[in-house]
N, C-alpha and C. Protein backbone atom coordinates (compact mmCIF):
# COMPACT_ATOMS: atom_id res chain seq x y z
N MET A 1 0.95 -1.16 -0.02
CA MET A 1 0.14 -0.11 -0.30
C MET A 1 0.87 1.20 0.06
N PHE A 2 2.18 0.82 1.00
CA PHE A 2 2.99 2.49 1.04
C PHE A 2 3.57 2.94 -0.22
N PRO A 3 3.77 1.82 -1.73
CA PRO A 3 4.32 2.68 -2.85
C PRO A 3 2.70 3.58 -3.60
N ALA A 4 2.22 2.66 -3.55
CA ALA A 4 0.72 3.35 -3.89
C ALA A 4 0.44 4.46 -3.34
N ALA A 5 0.08 4.98 -2.50
CA ALA A 5 0.01 5.69 -1.11
C ALA A 5 0.68 7.13 -1.56
N ILE A 6 1.98 6.93 -2.18
CA ILE A 6 3.49 7.56 -2.14
C ILE A 6 2.85 8.34 -3.29
N LEU A 7 3.06 7.95 -4.33
CA LEU A 7 2.61 7.90 -5.79
C LEU A 7 1.50 8.59 -5.70
N THR A 8 0.45 8.69 -4.67
CA THR A 8 -0.93 9.50 -5.30
C THR A 8 -0.47 10.47 -4.06
N ILE A 9 0.26 10.69 -3.70
CA ILE A 9 0.30 11.59 -2.69
C ILE A 9 1.21 12.67 -3.74
N LEU A 10 1.92 12.21 -4.20
CA LEU A 10 2.79 12.99 -4.49
C LEU A 10 2.25 13.17 -6.33
N ALA A 11 1.26 12.87 -6.94
CA ALA A 11 0.53 13.60 -7.59
C ALA A 11 -0.80 14.34 -7.59
N ILE A 12 -0.89 14.05 -6.67
CA ILE A 12 -1.73 15.31 -5.45
C ILE A 12 -1.53 16.35 -5.57
N ARG A 13 -0.23 16.08 -4.87
CA ARG A 13 1.12 17.69 -4.50
C ARG A 13 1.41 17.97 -6.10
N SER A 14 1.18 17.50 -6.80
CA SER A 14 1.77 17.83 -8.49
C SER A 14 1.05 18.64 -8.98
N ALA A 15 -0.69 18.34 -8.95
CA ALA A 15 -1.78 19.13 -9.36
C ALA A 15 -1.89 20.75 -8.50
N TRP A 16 -1.73 20.22 -7.29
CA TRP A 16 -2.01 21.68 -6.28
C TRP A 16 -0.70 22.27 -7.00
N LYS A 17 0.45 21.91 -6.85
CA LYS A 17 1.11 23.02 -7.45
C LYS A 17 0.72 23.77 -8.73
N ASP A 18 0.33 23.11 -9.38
CA ASP A 18 0.32 23.62 -10.88
C ASP A 18 -0.97 24.68 -10.85
N VAL A 19 -2.05 24.87 -9.76
CA VAL A 19 -2.61 25.36 -9.50
C VAL A 19 -2.48 26.99 -8.90
N PHE A 20 -1.43 26.54 -7.77
CA PHE A 20 -1.16 27.60 -7.12
C PHE A 20 -0.04 28.06 -7.39
N GLU A 21 1.00 27.77 -7.33
CA GLU A 21 2.46 28.05 -8.01
C GLU A 21 2.55 28.92 -9.32
N LYS A 22 2.01 27.91 -9.99
CA LYS A 22 2.48 28.18 -11.69
C LYS A 22 1.05 30.01 -12.05
N LYS A 23 0.11 29.62 -11.25
CA LYS A 23 -1.03 30.76 -11.11
C LYS A 23 -1.21 31.18 -12.58
N ARG A 24 -1.53 29.95 -13.56
CA ARG A 24 -2.24 30.63 -14.49
C ARG A 24 -3.90 30.68 -14.70
N TRP A 25 -4.21 30.52 -13.82
CA TRP A 25 -5.73 30.47 -14.12
C TRP A 25 -6.20 31.80 -12.53
N ASN A 26 -7.23 32.20 -13.00
CA ASN A 26 -8.21 33.13 -11.59
C ASN A 26 -8.78 32.76 -11.34
N ASN A 27 -9.54 31.75 -11.56
CA ASN A 27 -10.78 31.27 -10.32
C ASN A 27 -10.30 29.62 -10.33
N ILE A 28 -10.54 29.45 -9.48
CA ILE A 28 -10.25 28.06 -8.74
C ILE A 28 -11.54 26.36 -9.11
N TRP A 29 -12.63 27.55 -9.21
CA TRP A 29 -13.99 26.79 -9.33
C TRP A 29 -13.78 26.32 -10.89
N ILE A 30 -13.59 27.42 -11.48
CA ILE A 30 -13.67 26.87 -13.22
C ILE A 30 -12.29 25.61 -13.36
N LEU A 31 -11.25 25.47 -12.52
CA LEU A 31 -10.45 24.18 -13.09
C LEU A 31 -11.50 23.10 -12.45
N THR A 32 -11.85 22.91 -11.66
CA THR A 32 -12.69 21.92 -11.28
C THR A 32 -14.02 21.52 -12.89
N ILE A 33 -14.11 21.88 -13.12
CA ILE A 33 -15.13 21.69 -14.42
C ILE A 33 -14.08 21.65 -15.88
N ARG A 34 -12.92 22.16 -15.74
CA ARG A 34 -12.26 21.93 -16.85
C ARG A 34 -11.57 20.74 -17.67
N SER A 35 -11.70 20.11 -18.63
CA SER A 35 -11.04 19.04 -18.73
C SER A 35 -9.87 18.99 -19.41
N ASP A 36 -9.31 20.40 -19.30
CA ASP A 36 -7.63 20.30 -19.72
C ASP A 36 -6.77 20.43 -18.16
N HIS A 37 -7.42 20.37 -17.26
CA HIS A 37 -6.35 20.40 -16.40
C HIS A 37 -7.15 18.79 -15.41
N THR A 38 -6.20 18.90 -14.02
CA THR A 38 -6.36 17.66 -13.57
C THR A 38 -6.92 17.95 -12.08
N LEU A 39 -6.88 19.29 -12.10
CA LEU A 39 -7.47 19.42 -10.44
C LEU A 39 -8.71 18.58 -9.79
N HIS A 40 -9.65 18.46 -10.67
CA HIS A 40 -11.12 17.66 -10.31
C HIS A 40 -10.81 16.27 -9.93
N LEU A 41 -9.93 15.81 -10.85
CA LEU A 41 -8.91 14.26 -10.56
C LEU A 41 -8.33 14.12 -9.49
N ALA A 42 -7.45 15.50 -8.79
CA ALA A 42 -6.71 15.54 -7.60
C ALA A 42 -8.10 15.65 -6.49
N ILE A 43 -8.92 15.96 -6.29
CA ILE A 43 -10.20 16.24 -5.93
C ILE A 43 -10.41 15.20 -5.53
N HIS A 44 -10.36 14.24 -6.56
CA HIS A 44 -11.11 12.82 -6.53
C HIS A 44 -10.26 11.72 -5.79
N ALA A 45 -8.69 12.10 -5.99
CA ALA A 45 -7.98 10.92 -5.56
C ALA A 45 -7.93 10.91 -3.81
N THR A 46 -8.24 12.55 -3.34
CA THR A 46 -7.69 13.11 -2.13
C THR A 46 -8.78 12.16 -1.30
N VAL A 47 -9.85 12.06 -1.73
CA VAL A 47 -11.03 11.38 -1.17
C VAL A 47 -10.72 10.15 -1.40
N MET A 48 -10.63 8.74 -2.30
CA MET A 48 -10.11 8.00 -2.14
C MET A 48 -9.16 7.25 -1.19
N LEU A 49 -8.24 8.31 -1.51
CA LEU A 49 -6.47 8.19 -0.14
C LEU A 49 -7.04 8.53 1.11
N LEU A 50 -7.77 9.08 1.36
CA LEU A 50 -8.25 9.92 2.80
C LEU A 50 -9.25 8.21 3.04
N THR A 51 -10.08 7.83 2.23
CA THR A 51 -10.50 7.00 2.60
C THR A 51 -10.13 5.55 2.38
N GLY A 52 -8.97 5.32 1.36
CA GLY A 52 -8.49 4.14 1.64
C GLY A 52 -7.51 4.01 2.81
N ILE A 53 -7.24 4.81 3.26
CA ILE A 53 -6.12 5.19 4.47
C ILE A 53 -7.05 4.29 5.72
N PHE A 54 -8.25 4.96 5.88
CA PHE A 54 -8.43 5.11 7.16
C PHE A 54 -9.93 3.49 6.73
N VAL A 55 -10.46 3.49 6.22
CA VAL A 55 -10.75 2.55 6.14
C VAL A 55 -10.75 1.12 5.12
N ILE A 56 -10.13 0.81 4.09
CA ILE A 56 -9.84 0.11 3.10
C ILE A 56 -8.36 -0.70 3.52
N ASN A 57 -8.44 -1.94 3.66
CA ASN A 57 -7.54 -3.08 3.66
C ASN A 57 -6.61 -2.60 2.27
N ALA A 58 -5.13 -3.33 2.57
CA ALA A 58 -3.84 -2.58 1.79
C ALA A 58 -4.03 -3.43 0.82
N GLU A 59 -4.31 -4.04 -0.13
CA GLU A 59 -4.55 -4.87 -1.41
C GLU A 59 -6.00 -4.31 -2.05
N VAL A 60 -6.59 -3.97 -1.57
CA VAL A 60 -7.40 -3.49 -2.30
C VAL A 60 -7.53 -2.25 -2.23
N PHE A 61 -6.69 -1.16 -2.04
CA PHE A 61 -6.02 0.20 -1.66
C PHE A 61 -5.80 0.11 -2.89
N THR A 62 -4.39 -0.67 -2.87
CA THR A 62 -3.87 -0.58 -4.62
C THR A 62 -4.22 -1.08 -5.51
N ARG A 63 -5.20 -1.68 -5.53
CA ARG A 63 -6.02 -1.98 -6.81
C ARG A 63 -7.38 -0.76 -7.09
N LEU A 64 -7.73 -0.39 -5.89
CA LEU A 64 -8.76 0.77 -5.73
C LEU A 64 -8.19 2.38 -6.57
N MET A 65 -7.01 2.67 -6.18
CA MET A 65 -6.06 3.66 -6.70
C MET A 65 -5.97 3.20 -8.27
N PHE A 66 -4.99 2.34 -8.52
CA PHE A 66 -4.74 2.32 -9.90
C PHE A 66 -5.93 2.14 -11.07
N SER A 67 -7.11 1.27 -10.58
CA SER A 67 -8.14 1.58 -11.00
C SER A 67 -9.07 2.25 -11.61
N SER A 68 -9.24 3.16 -10.46
CA SER A 68 -9.93 4.43 -10.58
C SER A 68 -9.50 5.63 -11.19
N SER A 69 -8.24 5.81 -10.77
CA SER A 69 -8.41 7.16 -10.70
C SER A 69 -6.87 7.79 -11.69
N PRO A 70 -6.75 7.96 -12.84
CA PRO A 70 -6.05 8.34 -14.46
C PRO A 70 -4.90 9.29 -13.43
N LEU A 71 -5.15 10.00 -12.33
CA LEU A 71 -4.46 11.07 -12.08
C LEU A 71 -3.15 10.39 -12.44
N LEU A 72 -2.80 8.84 -11.61
CA LEU A 72 -1.57 8.39 -11.04
C LEU A 72 -0.99 8.39 -12.39
N TYR A 73 -1.47 7.62 -13.76
CA TYR A 73 -0.80 7.51 -15.18
C TYR A 73 -0.78 8.80 -15.91
N ILE A 74 -1.52 9.56 -15.36
CA ILE A 74 -1.53 11.32 -15.94
C ILE A 74 0.04 11.88 -15.63
N PHE A 75 0.65 11.39 -14.33
CA PHE A 75 1.34 12.41 -13.26
C PHE A 75 2.62 11.61 -13.65
N VAL A 76 2.70 9.73 -14.05
CA VAL A 76 3.77 9.25 -14.14
C VAL A 76 4.08 9.59 -16.01
N ALA A 77 3.41 9.74 -16.54
CA ALA A 77 3.59 10.01 -18.12
C ALA A 77 4.42 11.65 -17.98
N ARG A 78 3.76 12.22 -17.43
CA ARG A 78 4.23 13.56 -17.16
C ARG A 78 5.95 13.40 -16.52
N TYR A 79 6.45 12.86 -16.04
CA TYR A 79 7.58 12.84 -15.07
C TYR A 79 8.47 12.31 -15.87
N ILE A 80 7.56 11.35 -16.72
CA ILE A 80 8.90 10.52 -17.99
C ILE A 80 9.18 11.12 -19.16
N ASP A 81 7.81 12.23 -19.13
CA ASP A 81 7.99 12.98 -20.62
C ASP A 81 9.28 13.98 -19.95
N GLU A 82 8.54 14.79 -18.65
CA GLU A 82 10.38 15.41 -18.47
C GLU A 82 11.61 15.32 -18.47
N LEU A 83 11.73 13.68 -17.98
CA LEU A 83 13.02 12.91 -17.70
C LEU A 83 13.26 13.10 -19.38
N THR A 84 12.61 12.90 -20.51
CA THR A 84 13.25 11.79 -21.64
C THR A 84 13.01 13.25 -22.52
N GLN A 85 13.23 14.38 -22.29
CA GLN A 85 12.70 15.77 -22.75
C GLN A 85 14.06 15.81 -23.41
N GLY A 86 14.19 15.85 -25.10
CA GLY A 86 15.24 16.31 -25.67
C GLY A 86 16.05 15.25 -25.80
N LEU A 87 15.63 14.33 -25.61
CA LEU A 87 16.22 12.82 -25.99
C LEU A 87 15.93 12.33 -27.78
N LYS A 88 16.67 11.76 -28.44
CA LYS A 88 16.12 11.21 -29.58
C LYS A 88 16.62 9.93 -29.58
N ILE A 89 16.00 9.09 -30.30
CA ILE A 89 15.91 7.80 -30.53
C ILE A 89 16.51 8.11 -32.07
N SER A 90 17.74 7.04 -31.56
CA SER A 90 18.38 7.01 -33.26
C SER A 90 18.90 5.58 -33.56
N ARG A 91 18.49 5.04 -34.71
CA ARG A 91 18.84 3.84 -35.37
C ARG A 91 19.76 3.45 -35.87
C-alpha cells in the first residue's frame, strides 16, 4: 500500500502545485470543470486516498487507486516526459 499511497500523494501535490504556484488561472472553481486540467482528478484522488488509508484493506487500496484514478497515470507520464525531454531515439 505504501508505494501506491506515496505515488498518489505526489500526484495530488503536483496537481495542486500547478494551480497555486504557476497561477495561470484566476478562478479555482472553473478548474474543477475544465477537462484540460487535473484538479478535479486530484480532488477525487484525495477523497479516495483518505478513504483508503482509514477504511480499506491494503490490497484493495492498491487495486482501487490504480483502477479508478487516471491521475496516477497522467502524473507518471508527465514525469517520464520531463525526464526524457530532448532525447532522441537513433537507429
